[in-house]
């Protein structure tokens, strides 16, 4: 009778261990998938931020050229005004 209990306990332990192993294996796989998804999300965000940075760099360069052109035109107009004031006065 005692050997039947031993066999039953051993069978339950083996089946329980297998189920526990599968549970922890699935849990580990789910955790790895979550980490990979987080990495992919971070990679996408970094790519978007790099694109925005490049775009803002181009805009900055364009604005710099516009400011330089406007500064040149203001200097020309200032010179013309001074010339006209001297000629008039």
PDB file of N, CA and C in Angstrom:
ATOM      1  N   UNK A   1       0.807  -1.185   0.000  1.00  0.00           N
ATOM      2  CA  UNK A   1       0.000   0.000   0.000  1.00  0.00           C
ATOM      3  C   UNK A   1       0.858   1.260   0.000  1.00  0.00           C
ATOM      4  N   UNK A   2       1.912   1.155   0.759  1.00  0.00           N
ATOM      5  CA  UNK A   2       2.810   2.299   0.838  1.00  0.00           C
ATOM      6  C   UNK A   2       3.474   2.569  -0.503  1.00  0.00           C
ATOM      7  N   UNK A   3       3.774   1.550  -1.263  1.00  0.00           N
ATOM      8  CA  UNK A   3       4.422   1.723  -2.551  1.00  0.00           C
ATOM      9  C   UNK A   3       3.479   2.395  -3.558  1.00  0.00           C
ATOM     10  N   UNK A   4       2.165   2.155  -3.428  1.00  0.00           N
ATOM     11  CA  UNK A   4       1.183   2.807  -4.307  1.00  0.00           C
ATOM     12  C   UNK A   4       1.191   4.311  -4.038  1.00  0.00           C
ATOM     13  N   UNK A   5       1.230   4.669  -2.753  1.00  0.00           N
ATOM     14  CA  UNK A   5       1.292   6.104  -2.412  1.00  0.00           C
ATOM     15  C   UNK A   5       2.574   6.741  -2.955  1.00  0.00           C
ATOM     16  N   UNK A   6       3.649   6.016  -2.845  1.00  0.00           N
ATOM     17  CA  UNK A   6       4.920   6.531  -3.340  1.00  0.00           C
ATOM     18  C   UNK A   6       4.864   6.733  -4.845  1.00  0.00           C
ATOM     19  N   UNK A   7       4.285   5.795  -5.552  1.00  0.00           N
ATOM     20  CA  UNK A   7       4.157   5.888  -7.004  1.00  0.00           C
ATOM     21  C   UNK A   7       3.257   7.063  -7.369  1.00  0.00           C
ATOM     22  N   UNK A   8       2.120   7.202  -6.665  1.00  0.00           N
ATOM     23  CA  UNK A   8       1.195   8.305  -6.933  1.00  0.00           C
ATOM     24  C   UNK A   8       1.853   9.661  -6.650  1.00  0.00           C
ATOM     25  N   UNK A   9       2.530   9.781  -5.560  1.00  0.00           N
ATOM     26  CA  UNK A   9       3.199  11.043  -5.208  1.00  0.00           C
ATOM     27  C   UNK A   9       4.275  11.367  -6.236  1.00  0.00           C
ATOM     28  N   UNK A  10       5.030  10.338  -6.651  1.00  0.00           N
ATOM     29  CA  UNK A  10       6.074  10.546  -7.662  1.00  0.00           C
ATOM     30  C   UNK A  10       5.453  10.986  -8.981  1.00  0.00           C
ATOM     31  N   UNK A  11       4.354  10.346  -9.390  1.00  0.00           N
ATOM     32  CA  UNK A  11       3.683  10.708 -10.653  1.00  0.00           C
ATOM     33  C   UNK A  11       3.153  12.137 -10.589  1.00  0.00           C
ATOM     34  N   UNK A  12       2.529  12.504  -9.467  1.00  0.00           N
ATOM     35  CA  UNK A  12       2.009  13.871  -9.306  1.00  0.00           C
ATOM     36  C   UNK A  12       3.149  14.884  -9.325  1.00  0.00           C
ATOM     37  N   UNK A  13       4.242  14.541  -8.673  1.00  0.00           N
ATOM     38  CA  UNK A  13       5.403  15.442  -8.644  1.00  0.00           C
ATOM     39  C   UNK A  13       5.977  15.644 -10.037  1.00  0.00           C
ATOM     40  N   UNK A  14       6.117  14.553 -10.793  1.00  0.00           N
ATOM     41  CA  UNK A  14       6.673  14.637 -12.146  1.00  0.00           C
ATOM     42  C   UNK A  14       5.745  15.458 -13.042  1.00  0.00           C
ATOM     43  N   UNK A  15       4.443  15.177 -12.989  1.00  0.00           N
ATOM     44  CA  UNK A  15       3.491  15.926 -13.811  1.00  0.00           C
ATOM     45  C   UNK A  15       3.449  17.395 -13.386  1.00  0.00           C
ATOM     46  N   UNK A  16       3.495  17.630 -12.094  1.00  0.00           N
ATOM     47  CA  UNK A  16       3.500  19.009 -11.583  1.00  0.00           C
ATOM     48  C   UNK A  16       4.760  19.751 -11.990  1.00  0.00           C
ATOM     49  N   UNK A  17       5.882  19.069 -11.955  1.00  0.00           N
ATOM     50  CA  UNK A  17       7.139  19.687 -12.357  1.00  0.00           C
ATOM     51  C   UNK A  17       7.133  20.039 -13.838  1.00  0.00           C
ATOM     52  N   UNK A  18       6.588  19.153 -14.655  1.00  0.00           N
ATOM     53  CA  UNK A  18       6.509  19.410 -16.092  1.00  0.00           C
ATOM     54  C   UNK A  18       5.602  20.604 -16.362  1.00  0.00           C
ATOM     55  N   UNK A  19       4.465  20.642 -15.681  1.00  0.00           N
ATOM     56  CA  UNK A  19       3.546  21.775 -15.853  1.00  0.00           C
ATOM     57  C   UNK A  19       4.176  23.069 -15.367  1.00  0.00           C
ATOM     58  N   UNK A  20       4.857  23.005 -14.261  1.00  0.00           N
ATOM     59  CA  UNK A  20       5.522  24.195 -13.726  1.00  0.00           C
ATOM     60  C   UNK A  20       6.606  24.664 -14.685  1.00  0.00           C
ATOM     61  N   UNK A  21       7.352  23.708 -15.231  1.00  0.00           N
ATOM     62  CA  UNK A  21       8.411  24.069 -16.177  1.00  0.00           C
ATOM     63  C   UNK A  21       7.823  24.766 -17.409  1.00  0.00           C
ATOM     64  N   UNK A  22       6.739  24.204 -17.942  1.00  0.00           N
ATOM     65  CA  UNK A  22       6.089  24.829 -19.099  1.00  0.00           C
ATOM     66  C   UNK A  22       5.572  26.226 -18.750  1.00  0.00           C
ATOM     67  N   UNK A  23       4.991  26.378 -17.575  1.00  0.00           N
ATOM     68  CA  UNK A  23       4.482  27.678 -17.147  1.00  0.00           C
ATOM     69  C   UNK A  23       5.612  28.710 -17.082  1.00  0.00           C
ATOM     70  N   UNK A  24       6.699  28.356 -16.429  1.00  0.00           N
ATOM     71  CA  UNK A  24       7.815  29.298 -16.304  1.00  0.00           C
ATOM     72  C   UNK A  24       8.487  29.572 -17.664  1.00  0.00           C
ATOM     73  N   UNK A  25       8.501  28.568 -18.534  1.00  0.00           N
ATOM     74  CA  UNK A  25       9.059  28.747 -19.868  1.00  0.00           C
ATOM     75  C   UNK A  25       8.207  29.733 -20.670  1.00  0.00           C
ATOM     76  N   UNK A  26       6.884  29.587 -20.608  1.00  0.00           N
ATOM     77  CA  UNK A  26       5.991  30.518 -21.304  1.00  0.00           C
ATOM     78  C   UNK A  26       6.108  31.921 -20.722  1.00  0.00           C
ATOM     79  N   UNK A  27       6.209  31.984 -19.411  1.00  0.00           N
ATOM     80  CA  UNK A  27       6.348  33.280 -18.753  1.00  0.00           C
ATOM     81  C   UNK A  27       7.648  33.961 -19.187  1.00  0.00           C
ATOM     82  N   UNK A  28       8.713  33.203 -19.273  1.00  0.00           N
ATOM     83  CA  UNK A  28      10.004  33.737 -19.704  1.00  0.00           C
ATOM     84  C   UNK A  28       9.942  34.203 -21.162  1.00  0.00           C
ATOM     85  N   UNK A  29       9.298  33.411 -22.020  1.00  0.00           N
ATOM     86  CA  UNK A  29       9.154  33.793 -23.427  1.00  0.00           C
ATOM     87  C   UNK A  29       8.341  35.079 -23.570  1.00  0.00           C
ATOM     88  N   UNK A  30       7.274  35.199 -22.790  1.00  0.00           N
ATOM     89  CA  UNK A  30       6.442  36.405 -22.841  1.00  0.00           C
ATOM     90  C   UNK A  30       7.246  37.623 -22.396  1.00  0.00           C
ATOM     91  N   UNK A  31       8.077  37.437 -21.383  1.00  0.00           N
ATOM     92  CA  UNK A  31       8.914  38.539 -20.900  1.00  0.00           C
ATOM     93  C   UNK A  31       9.916  38.955 -21.971  1.00  0.00           C
ATOM     94  N   UNK A  32      10.517  37.990 -22.639  1.00  0.00           N
ATOM     95  CA  UNK A  32      11.477  38.285 -23.709  1.00  0.00           C
ATOM     96  C   UNK A  32      10.793  39.017 -24.861  1.00  0.00           C
ATOM     97  N   UNK A  33       9.576  38.587 -25.210  1.00  0.00           N
ATOM     98  CA  UNK A  33       8.832  39.257 -26.285  1.00  0.00           C
ATOM     99  C   UNK A  33       8.520  40.702 -25.896  1.00  0.00           C
ATOM    100  N   UNK A  34       8.162  40.906 -24.641  1.00  0.00           N
ATOM    101  CA  UNK A  34       7.888  42.261 -24.162  1.00  0.00           C
ATOM    102  C   UNK A  34       9.127  43.140 -24.243  1.00  0.00           C
ATOM    103  N   UNK A  35      10.273  42.596 -23.874  1.00  0.00           N
ATOM    104  CA  UNK A  35      11.536  43.344 -23.955  1.00  0.00           C
ATOM    105  C   UNK A  35      11.896  43.658 -25.403  1.00  0.00           C
ATOM    106  N   UNK A  36      11.661  42.704 -26.291  1.00  0.00           N
ATOM    107  CA  UNK A  36      11.961  42.933 -27.709  1.00  0.00           C
ATOM    108  C   UNK A  36      11.032  44.003 -28.275  1.00  0.00           C
ATOM    109  N   UNK A  37       9.763  43.958 -27.892  1.00  0.00           N
ATOM    110  CA  UNK A  37       8.817  44.975 -28.355  1.00  0.00           C
ATOM    111  C   UNK A  37       9.255  46.352 -27.866  1.00  0.00           C
ATOM    112  N   UNK A  38       9.722  46.434 -26.632  1.00  0.00           N
ATOM    113  CA  UNK A  38      10.214  47.696 -26.075  1.00  0.00           C
ATOM    114  C   UNK A  38      11.423  48.187 -26.873  1.00  0.00           C
ATOM    115  N   UNK A  39      12.305  47.280 -27.232  1.00  0.00           N
ATOM    116  CA  UNK A  39      13.487  47.649 -28.027  1.00  0.00           C
ATOM    117  C   UNK A  39      13.081  48.174 -29.398  1.00  0.00           C
ATOM    118  N   UNK A  40      12.137  47.468 -30.037  1.00  0.00           N
ATOM    119  CA  UNK A  40      11.681  47.926 -31.354  1.00  0.00           C
ATOM    120  C   UNK A  40      11.021  49.299 -31.249  1.00  0.00           C
ATOM    121  N   UNK A  41      10.242  49.506 -30.191  1.00  0.00           N
ATOM    122  CA  UNK A  41       9.598  50.797 -29.983  1.00  0.00           C
ATOM    123  C   UNK A  41      10.645  51.896 -29.796  1.00  0.00           C
ATOM    124  N   UNK A  42      11.662  51.608 -29.003  1.00  0.00           N
ATOM    125  CA  UNK A  42      12.741  52.582 -28.790  1.00  0.00           C
ATOM    126  C   UNK A  42      13.486  52.859 -30.090  1.00  0.00           C
ATOM    127  N   UNK A  43      13.727  51.824 -30.863  1.00  0.00           N
ATOM    128  CA  UNK A  43      14.430  51.985 -32.143  1.00  0.00           C
ATOM    129  C   UNK A  43      13.619  52.890 -33.072  1.00  0.00           C
ATOM    130  N   UNK A  44      12.297  52.685 -33.130  1.00  0.00           N
ATOM    131  CA  UNK A  44      11.441  53.533 -33.967  1.00  0.00           C
ATOM    132  C   UNK A  44      11.446  54.977 -33.484  1.00  0.00           C
ATOM    133  N   UNK A  45      11.370  55.156 -32.179  1.00  0.00           N
ATOM    134  CA  UNK A  45      11.396  56.512 -31.627  1.00  0.00           C
ATOM    135  C   UNK A  45      12.712  57.218 -31.944  1.00  0.00           C
ATOM    136  N   UNK A  46      13.807  56.508 -31.829  1.00  0.00           N
ATOM    137  CA  UNK A  46      15.120  57.095 -32.121  1.00  0.00           C
ATOM    138  C   UNK A  46      15.197  57.498 -33.591  1.00  0.00           C
ATOM    139  N   UNK A  47      14.685  56.651 -34.476  1.00  0.00           N
ATOM    140  CA  UNK A  47      14.703  56.975 -35.903  1.00  0.00           C
ATOM    141  C   UNK A  47      13.885  58.232 -36.181  1.00  0.00           C
ATOM    142  N   UNK A  48      12.718  58.345 -35.539  1.00  0.00           N
ATOM    143  CA  UNK A  48      11.882  59.538 -35.726  1.00  0.00           C
ATOM    144  C   UNK A  48      12.574  60.783 -35.186  1.00  0.00           C
ATOM    145  N   UNK A  49      13.200  60.668 -34.028  1.00  0.00           N
ATOM    146  CA  UNK A  49      13.906  61.811 -33.456  1.00  0.00           C
ATOM    147  C   UNK A  49      15.084  62.239 -34.314  1.00  0.00           C
ATOM    148  N   UNK A  50      15.804  61.273 -34.881  1.00  0.00           N
ATOM    149  CA  UNK A  50      16.921  61.608 -35.767  1.00  0.00           C
ATOM    150  C   UNK A  50      16.417  62.334 -37.013  1.00  0.00           C
ATOM    151  N   UNK A  51      15.283  61.886 -37.558  1.00  0.00           N
ATOM    152  CA  UNK A  51      14.709  62.549 -38.740  1.00  0.00           C
ATOM    153  C   UNK A  51      14.299  63.974 -38.398  1.00  0.00           C
ATOM    154  N   UNK A  52      13.677  64.153 -37.232  1.00  0.00           N
ATOM    155  CA  UNK A  52      13.284  65.502 -36.808  1.00  0.00           C
ATOM    156  C   UNK A  52      14.501  66.398 -36.601  1.00  0.00           C
ATOM    157  N   UNK A  53      15.561  65.833 -36.061  1.00  0.00           N
ATOM    158  CA  UNK A  53      16.789  66.599 -35.838  1.00  0.00           C
ATOM    159  C   UNK A  53      17.404  67.044 -37.164  1.00  0.00           C
ATOM    160  N   UNK A  54      17.436  66.149 -38.132  1.00  0.00           N
ATOM    161  CA  UNK A  54      17.964  66.501 -39.455  1.00  0.00           C
ATOM    162  C   UNK A  54      17.109  67.588 -40.106  1.00  0.00           C
ATOM    163  N   UNK A  55      15.789  67.444 -39.988  1.00  0.00           N
ATOM    164  CA  UNK A  55      14.880  68.432 -40.572  1.00  0.00           C
ATOM    165  C   UNK A  55      15.067  69.797 -39.923  1.00  0.00           C
ATOM    166  N   UNK A  56      15.197  69.817 -38.614  1.00  0.00           N
ATOM    167  CA  UNK A  56      15.384  71.104 -37.929  1.00  0.00           C
ATOM    168  C   UNK A  56      16.739  71.711 -38.287  1.00  0.00           C
ATOM    169  N   UNK A  57      17.732  70.880 -38.545  1.00  0.00           N
ATOM    170  CA  UNK A  57      19.039  71.380 -38.986  1.00  0.00           C
ATOM    171  C   UNK A  57      18.934  72.051 -40.347  1.00  0.00           C
ATOM    172  N   UNK A  58      18.158  71.433 -41.255  1.00  0.00           N
ATOM    173  CA  UNK A  58      17.963  72.044 -42.582  1.00  0.00           C
ATOM    174  C   UNK A  58      17.202  73.358 -42.459  1.00  0.00           C
ATOM    175  N   UNK A  59      16.167  73.373 -41.612  1.00  0.00           N
ATOM    176  CA  UNK A  59      15.404  74.604 -41.401  1.00  0.00           C
ATOM    177  C   UNK A  59      16.290  75.702 -40.815  1.00  0.00           C
ATOM    178  N   UNK A  60      17.132  75.333 -39.890  1.00  0.00           N
ATOM    179  CA  UNK A  60      18.031  76.297 -39.266  1.00  0.00           C
ATOM    180  C   UNK A  60      18.973  76.895 -40.300  1.00  0.00           C
ATOM    181  N   UNK A  61      19.512  76.063 -41.175  1.00  0.00           N
ATOM    182  CA  UNK A  61      20.414  76.556 -42.217  1.00  0.00           C
ATOM    183  C   UNK A  61      19.674  77.487 -43.174  1.00  0.00           C
ATOM    184  N   UNK A  62      18.444  77.126 -43.516  1.00  0.00           N
ATOM    185  CA  UNK A  62      17.636  77.973 -44.394  1.00  0.00           C
ATOM    186  C   UNK A  62      17.371  79.327 -43.739  1.00  0.00           C
ATOM    187  N   UNK A  63      17.030  79.321 -42.467  1.00  0.00           N
ATOM    188  CA  UNK A  63      16.785  80.573 -41.744  1.00  0.00           C
ATOM    189  C   UNK A  63      18.056  81.411 -41.635  1.00  0.00           C
ATOM    190  N   UNK A  64      19.168  80.753 -41.462  1.00  0.00           N
ATOM    191  CA  UNK A  64      20.453  81.462 -41.380  1.00  0.00           C
ATOM    192  C   UNK A  64      20.732  82.200 -42.696  1.00  0.00           C
ATOM    193  N   UNK A  65      20.476  81.536 -43.836  1.00  0.00           N
ATOM    194  CA  UNK A  65      20.673  82.173 -45.137  1.00  0.00           C
ATOM    195  C   UNK A  65      19.717  83.352 -45.315  1.00  0.00           C
ATOM    196  N   UNK A  66      18.464  83.165 -44.897  1.00  0.00           N
ATOM    197  CA  UNK A  66      17.482  84.250 -45.010  1.00  0.00           C
ATOM    198  C   UNK A  66      17.905  85.455 -44.182  1.00  0.00           C
ATOM    199  N   UNK A  67      18.367  85.225 -42.974  1.00  0.00           N
ATOM    200  CA  UNK A  67      18.816  86.320 -42.105  1.00  0.00           C
ATOM    201  C   UNK A  67      20.014  87.033 -42.725  1.00  0.00           C
ATOM    202  N   UNK A  68      20.927  86.287 -43.296  1.00  0.00           N
ATOM    203  CA  UNK A  68      22.090  86.890 -43.947  1.00  0.00           C
ATOM    204  C   UNK A  68      21.657  87.766 -45.126  1.00  0.00           C
ATOM    205  N   UNK A  69      20.722  87.256 -45.944  1.00  0.00           N
ATOM    206  CA  UNK A  69      20.210  88.045 -47.070  1.00  0.00           C
ATOM    207  C   UNK A  69      19.521  89.318 -46.580  1.00  0.00           C
ATOM    208  N   UNK A  70      18.699  89.194 -45.564  1.00  0.00           N
ATOM    209  CA  UNK A  70      17.996  90.365 -45.030  1.00  0.00           C
ATOM    210  C   UNK A  70      18.973  91.378 -44.438  1.00  0.00           C
ATOM    211  N   UNK A  71      19.999  90.877 -43.755  1.00  0.00           N
ATOM    212  CA  UNK A  71      21.001  91.782 -43.178  1.00  0.00           C
ATOM    213  C   UNK A  71      21.722  92.551 -44.278  1.00  0.00           C
ATOM    214  N   UNK A  72      22.025  91.870 -45.387  1.00  0.00           N
ATOM    215  CA  UNK A  72      22.681  92.526 -46.516  1.00  0.00           C
ATOM    216  C   UNK A  72      21.778  93.603 -47.111  1.00  0.00           C
ATOM    217  N   UNK A  73      20.503  93.289 -47.276  1.00  0.00           N
ATOM    218  CA  UNK A  73      19.557  94.262 -47.836  1.00  0.00           C
ATOM    219  C   UNK A  73      19.385  95.465 -46.914  1.00  0.00           C
ATOM    220  N   UNK A  74      19.343  95.237 -45.610  1.00  0.00           N
ATOM    221  CA  UNK A  74      19.231  96.346 -44.656  1.00  0.00           C
ATOM    222  C   UNK A  74      20.462  97.243 -44.738  1.00  0.00           C
ATOM    223  N   UNK A  75      21.628  96.624 -44.866  1.00  0.00           N
ATOM    224  CA  UNK A  75      22.858  97.414 -44.981  1.00  0.00           C
ATOM    225  C   UNK A  75      22.831  98.250 -46.261  1.00  0.00           C
ATOM    226  N   UNK A  76      22.376  97.672 -47.363  1.00  0.00           N
ATOM    227  CA  UNK A  76      22.279  98.419 -48.623  1.00  0.00           C
ATOM    228  C   UNK A  76      21.302  99.587 -48.498  1.00  0.00           C
ATOM    229  N   UNK A  77      20.148  99.317 -47.907  1.00  0.00           N
ATOM    230  CA  UNK A  77      19.153 100.382 -47.746  1.00  0.00           C
ATOM    231  C   UNK A  77      19.658 101.489 -46.819  1.00  0.00           C
ATOM    232  N   UNK A  78      20.371 101.109 -45.789  1.00  0.00           N
ATOM    233  CA  UNK A  78      20.937 102.107 -44.877  1.00  0.00           C
ATOM    234  C   UNK A  78      21.927 102.991 -45.626  1.00  0.00           C
ATOM    235  N   UNK A  79      22.745 102.389 -46.455  1.00  0.00           N
ATOM    236  CA  UNK A  79      23.712 103.157 -47.248  1.00  0.00           C
ATOM    237  C   UNK A  79      22.984 104.098 -48.207  1.00  0.00           C
ATOM    238  N   UNK A  80      21.936 103.633 -48.878  1.00  0.00           N
ATOM    239  CA  UNK A  80      21.174 104.474 -49.795  1.00  0.00           C
ATOM    240  C   UNK A  80      20.530 105.657 -49.070  1.00  0.00           C
ATOM    241  N   UNK A  81      19.968 105.378 -47.892  1.00  0.00           N
ATOM    242  CA  UNK A  81      19.327 106.445 -47.119  1.00  0.00           C
ATOM    243  C   UNK A  81      20.361 107.490 -46.716  1.00  0.00           C
ATOM    244  N   UNK A  82      21.512 107.038 -46.259  1.00  0.00           N
ATOM    245  CA  UNK A  82      22.566 107.985 -45.886  1.00  0.00           C
ATOM    246  C   UNK A  82      22.998 108.818 -47.092  1.00  0.00           C
ATOM    247  N   UNK A  83      23.135 108.174 -48.238  1.00  0.00           N
ATOM    248  CA  UNK A  83      23.539 108.884 -49.451  1.00  0.00           C
ATOM    249  C   UNK A  83      22.487 109.926 -49.844  1.00  0.00           C
ATOM    250  N   UNK A  84      21.208 109.536 -49.774  1.00  0.00           N
ATOM    251  CA  UNK A  84      20.132 110.441 -50.144  1.00  0.00           C
ATOM    252  C   UNK A  84      20.028 111.610 -49.166  1.00  0.00           C
ATOM    253  N   UNK A  85      20.249 111.343 -47.906  1.00  0.00           N
ATOM    254  CA  UNK A  85      20.198 112.423 -46.902  1.00  0.00           C
ATOM    255  C   UNK A  85      21.356 113.420 -47.127  1.00  0.00           C
ATOM    256  N   UNK A  86      22.528 112.914 -47.471  1.00  0.00           N
ATOM    257  CA  UNK A  86      23.675 113.800 -47.719  1.00  0.00           C
ATOM    258  C   UNK A  86      23.430 114.621 -48.996  1.00  0.00           C
ATOM    259  N   UNK A  87      22.840 113.986 -49.979  1.00  0.00           N
ATOM    260  CA  UNK A  87      22.601 114.662 -51.252  1.00  0.00           C
ATOM    261  C   UNK A  87      21.544 115.751 -51.066  1.00  0.00           C
ATOM    262  N   UNK A  88      20.540 115.501 -50.257  1.00  0.00           N
ATOM    263  CA  UNK A  88      19.458 116.435 -50.020  1.00  0.00           C
ATOM    264  C   UNK A  88      19.908 117.564 -49.101  1.00  0.00           C
ATOM    265  N   UNK A  89      20.708 117.265 -48.179  1.00  0.00           N
ATOM    266  CA  UNK A  89      21.050 118.250 -47.158  1.00  0.00           C
ATOM    267  C   UNK A  89      22.338 118.880 -47.303  1.00  0.00           C
TER     268      UNK A  89
END
